[in-house]
Amino acid sequence: FVKNKPDQFIWQSKKDGWNHLYLYDISGRLIKQLTAGKWEVLEVKGFDDKGENFFYTSTEESPITKNLYELNLKSLKTKRLTQATGVHNTILSDDEKYVIDSYSNTTDAKTINLTNLKTGKSKLLLQATNPLSAYDLGQVSIFTIKNNEGTDLYCRLYKPVNFDSTKKYPVVVQRVKQNLR
């Protein structure tokens, strides 16, 4: 139910083919769709103290990332609250004024920040060292290719240490099947 508006609630549904949020009144009448696009709402986090803004995590930026967003229920304007590119796991404080943001990506093993949502200022709580830093590793890159239908498929390419583009290397292709919808 919407904070400070007990006659309204937010419903999460895949009725348009993607997991999104909808605002309804208690009679079951759709007031408006809150989120839309070819991406998924992953988790509902809650409201600010006035009930004007709603927090959720989604794959809005990319299917290989997870970020925290703030949505204004009146204007439907969204604001991304997590900063670095990667997969963010967030915990909001009970008063929704702070967020603990634990994230990782291809270059950061784990970073944990405490962020004031009003000011946007963050305090670093943990910067984990790379457990593979003592090893020689090849380059990794993430990119997309299009399938026959024009849909982006995400790929990760690991090049060997001391890669030489004039040489031939064996290739291992791994297909990961995921049902995203």
Protein backbone atom coordinates (compact mmCIF):
# COMPACT_ATOMS: atom_id res chain seq x y z
CA PHE A 1 0.00 0.00 0.00
CA VAL A 2 1.15 3.54 -0.74
CA LYS A 3 2.49 5.26 2.35
CA ASN A 4 0.03 7.97 3.55
CA LYS A 5 -2.53 6.86 0.89
CA PRO A 6 -4.18 3.69 2.22
CA ASP A 7 -6.66 3.67 -0.69
CA GLN A 8 -3.86 2.98 -3.23
CA PHE A 9 -1.44 0.10 -3.70
CA ILE A 10 1.40 -0.86 -6.02
CA TRP A 11 1.10 -4.12 -7.88
CA GLN A 12 4.07 -5.89 -9.46
CA SER A 13 3.20 -7.84 -12.60
CA LYS A 14 4.54 -9.28 -15.86
CA LYS A 15 1.32 -8.47 -17.70
CA ASP A 16 3.18 -6.54 -20.43
CA GLY A 17 5.80 -9.30 -20.75
CA TRP A 18 8.27 -7.59 -18.39
CA ASN A 19 8.16 -7.37 -14.60
CA HIS A 20 6.90 -3.83 -13.84
CA LEU A 21 5.01 -1.77 -11.28
CA TYR A 22 1.41 -0.52 -11.50
CA LEU A 23 -0.53 1.86 -9.24
CA TYR A 24 -4.11 0.80 -8.39
CA ASP A 25 -6.86 2.06 -6.11
CA ILE A 26 -8.49 -0.34 -3.64
CA SER A 27 -11.48 -0.87 -5.94
CA GLY A 28 -9.05 -2.52 -8.39
CA ARG A 29 -8.97 0.35 -10.91
CA LEU A 30 -5.61 0.92 -12.61
CA ILE A 31 -4.48 4.51 -11.94
CA LYS A 32 -1.25 4.31 -13.98
CA GLN A 33 1.67 2.13 -14.94
CA LEU A 34 4.68 3.28 -12.93
CA THR A 35 7.53 1.56 -14.80
CA ALA A 36 7.77 0.40 -18.41
CA GLY A 37 10.39 -0.83 -20.84
CA LYS A 38 12.32 -3.87 -21.95
CA TRP A 39 13.82 -4.44 -18.52
CA GLU A 40 12.77 -5.97 -15.19
CA VAL A 41 11.94 -4.59 -11.75
CA LEU A 42 13.81 -7.00 -9.49
CA GLU A 43 12.94 -5.87 -5.98
CA VAL A 44 10.60 -3.44 -4.25
CA LYS A 45 12.39 -1.50 -1.49
CA GLY A 46 9.75 0.89 -0.08
CA PHE A 47 8.74 4.55 0.23
CA ASP A 48 10.31 7.73 1.51
CA ASP A 49 8.84 9.21 4.70
CA LYS A 50 6.22 11.30 2.83
CA GLY A 51 5.16 8.49 0.50
CA GLU A 52 5.96 10.61 -2.57
CA ASN A 53 8.92 8.56 -3.78
CA PHE A 54 9.27 4.83 -4.18
CA PHE A 55 12.50 2.78 -4.22
CA TYR A 56 13.14 -0.31 -6.33
CA THR A 57 16.00 -2.23 -7.95
CA SER A 58 15.99 -3.09 -11.64
CA THR A 59 17.91 -4.03 -14.77
CA GLU A 60 16.92 -0.74 -16.43
CA GLU A 61 20.49 0.13 -17.44
CA SER A 62 21.38 -3.35 -18.69
CA PRO A 63 20.37 -6.97 -18.09
CA ILE A 64 23.80 -7.63 -16.59
CA THR A 65 23.55 -4.87 -13.97
CA LYS A 66 21.34 -4.23 -10.96
CA ASN A 67 20.79 -0.70 -9.64
CA LEU A 68 18.70 1.10 -7.04
CA TYR A 69 16.23 3.71 -8.34
CA GLU A 70 13.93 6.30 -6.84
CA LEU A 71 10.58 6.88 -8.59
CA ASN A 72 8.40 9.93 -7.97
CA LEU A 73 4.81 8.64 -7.93
CA LYS A 74 3.35 11.92 -9.22
CA SER A 75 5.75 12.83 -12.05
CA LEU A 76 7.02 9.26 -12.74
CA LYS A 77 10.56 10.67 -12.94
CA THR A 78 13.20 8.15 -11.95
CA LYS A 79 16.63 8.76 -10.52
CA ARG A 80 19.38 6.17 -10.36
CA LEU A 81 20.79 6.16 -6.83
CA THR A 82 23.67 3.67 -7.18
CA GLN A 83 26.69 5.13 -8.92
CA ALA A 84 29.23 2.59 -10.17
CA THR A 85 28.45 0.17 -12.98
CA GLY A 86 27.91 -3.34 -11.65
CA VAL A 87 25.59 -5.47 -9.59
CA HIS A 88 24.36 -3.57 -6.52
CA ASN A 89 22.78 -5.18 -3.47
CA THR A 90 21.21 -2.45 -1.37
CA ILE A 91 19.66 -2.12 2.06
CA LEU A 92 17.63 0.98 2.91
CA SER A 93 17.56 2.30 6.46
CA ASP A 94 14.19 2.12 8.22
CA ASP A 95 13.69 5.85 7.67
CA GLU A 96 14.77 5.54 3.98
CA LYS A 97 17.40 8.27 4.47
CA TYR A 98 20.45 6.04 3.99
CA VAL A 99 21.40 3.08 1.86
CA ILE A 100 24.12 0.50 2.32
CA ASP A 101 25.31 -0.29 -1.19
CA SER A 102 27.36 -3.45 -1.70
CA TYR A 103 28.46 -3.92 -5.29
CA SER A 104 30.94 -5.68 -7.50
CA ASN A 105 31.90 -5.60 -11.17
CA THR A 106 34.66 -6.93 -13.42
CA THR A 107 37.29 -4.68 -11.78
CA ASP A 108 36.04 -4.39 -8.16
CA ALA A 109 35.80 -7.57 -6.07
CA LYS A 110 33.48 -5.84 -3.58
CA THR A 111 32.85 -2.28 -2.47
CA ILE A 112 30.47 -1.27 0.30
CA ASN A 113 29.34 2.35 0.72
CA LEU A 114 26.97 4.09 3.11
CA THR A 115 25.13 6.81 1.16
CA ASN A 116 22.95 9.65 2.39
CA LEU A 117 20.06 9.65 -0.11
CA LYS A 118 19.26 13.34 0.42
CA THR A 119 22.77 14.70 -0.13
CA GLY A 120 24.16 11.89 -2.28
CA LYS A 121 27.34 11.84 -0.17
CA SER A 122 28.87 8.42 0.41
CA LYS A 123 31.24 6.99 2.96
CA LEU A 124 33.39 4.03 1.98
CA LEU A 125 32.94 1.17 4.43
CA LEU A 126 34.88 -1.56 2.63
CA GLN A 127 37.02 -1.85 -0.47
CA ALA A 128 37.95 -5.50 -0.82
CA THR A 129 41.28 -6.37 -2.34
CA ASN A 130 41.27 -8.41 -5.49
CA PRO A 131 41.89 -12.04 -4.43
CA LEU A 132 43.47 -12.73 -7.84
CA SER A 133 45.90 -9.79 -7.79
CA ALA A 134 48.94 -12.10 -7.40
CA TYR A 135 48.10 -13.89 -10.66
CA ASP A 136 48.69 -12.91 -14.26
CA LEU A 137 45.27 -12.63 -15.85
CA GLY A 138 44.28 -11.93 -19.40
CA GLN A 139 41.99 -9.13 -20.43
CA VAL A 140 38.23 -9.50 -20.04
CA SER A 141 35.72 -7.56 -22.07
CA ILE A 142 31.92 -7.49 -22.12
CA PHE A 143 30.11 -6.72 -25.35
CA THR A 144 26.92 -7.50 -27.25
CA ILE A 145 26.14 -9.23 -30.51
CA LYS A 146 22.76 -9.40 -32.21
CA ASN A 147 20.89 -12.64 -32.77
CA ASN A 148 18.82 -13.36 -35.91
CA GLU A 149 15.87 -11.42 -34.42
CA GLY A 150 17.97 -8.31 -33.65
CA THR A 151 18.06 -8.89 -29.88
CA ASP A 152 21.28 -8.03 -28.05
CA LEU A 153 23.08 -11.05 -26.60
CA TYR A 154 25.65 -10.27 -23.91
CA CYS A 155 29.07 -11.85 -24.25
CA ARG A 156 32.16 -12.00 -22.11
CA LEU A 157 35.53 -12.55 -23.78
CA TYR A 158 38.59 -13.64 -21.83
CA LYS A 159 41.84 -13.19 -23.70
CA PRO A 160 44.90 -15.18 -22.60
CA VAL A 161 47.82 -13.57 -20.78
CA ASN A 162 50.18 -11.85 -23.25
CA PHE A 163 47.58 -12.09 -26.01
CA ASP A 164 49.04 -11.68 -29.48
CA SER A 165 46.49 -10.85 -32.20
CA THR A 166 48.74 -12.40 -34.87
CA LYS A 167 48.54 -15.85 -33.26
CA LYS A 168 45.75 -18.42 -33.29
CA TYR A 169 44.28 -19.64 -30.01
CA PRO A 170 41.82 -22.39 -29.12
CA VAL A 171 38.34 -21.10 -28.33
CA VAL A 172 35.85 -22.34 -25.75
CA VAL A 173 32.25 -21.18 -26.22
CA GLN A 174 29.88 -21.54 -23.29
CA ARG A 175 26.20 -20.86 -23.80
CA VAL A 176 24.27 -19.93 -20.68
CA LYS A 177 20.54 -20.30 -21.06
CA GLN A 178 18.50 -17.98 -18.88
CA ASN A 179 14.78 -17.46 -18.92
CA LEU A 180 14.55 -13.73 -18.21
CA ARG A 181 10.82 -13.41 -18.85
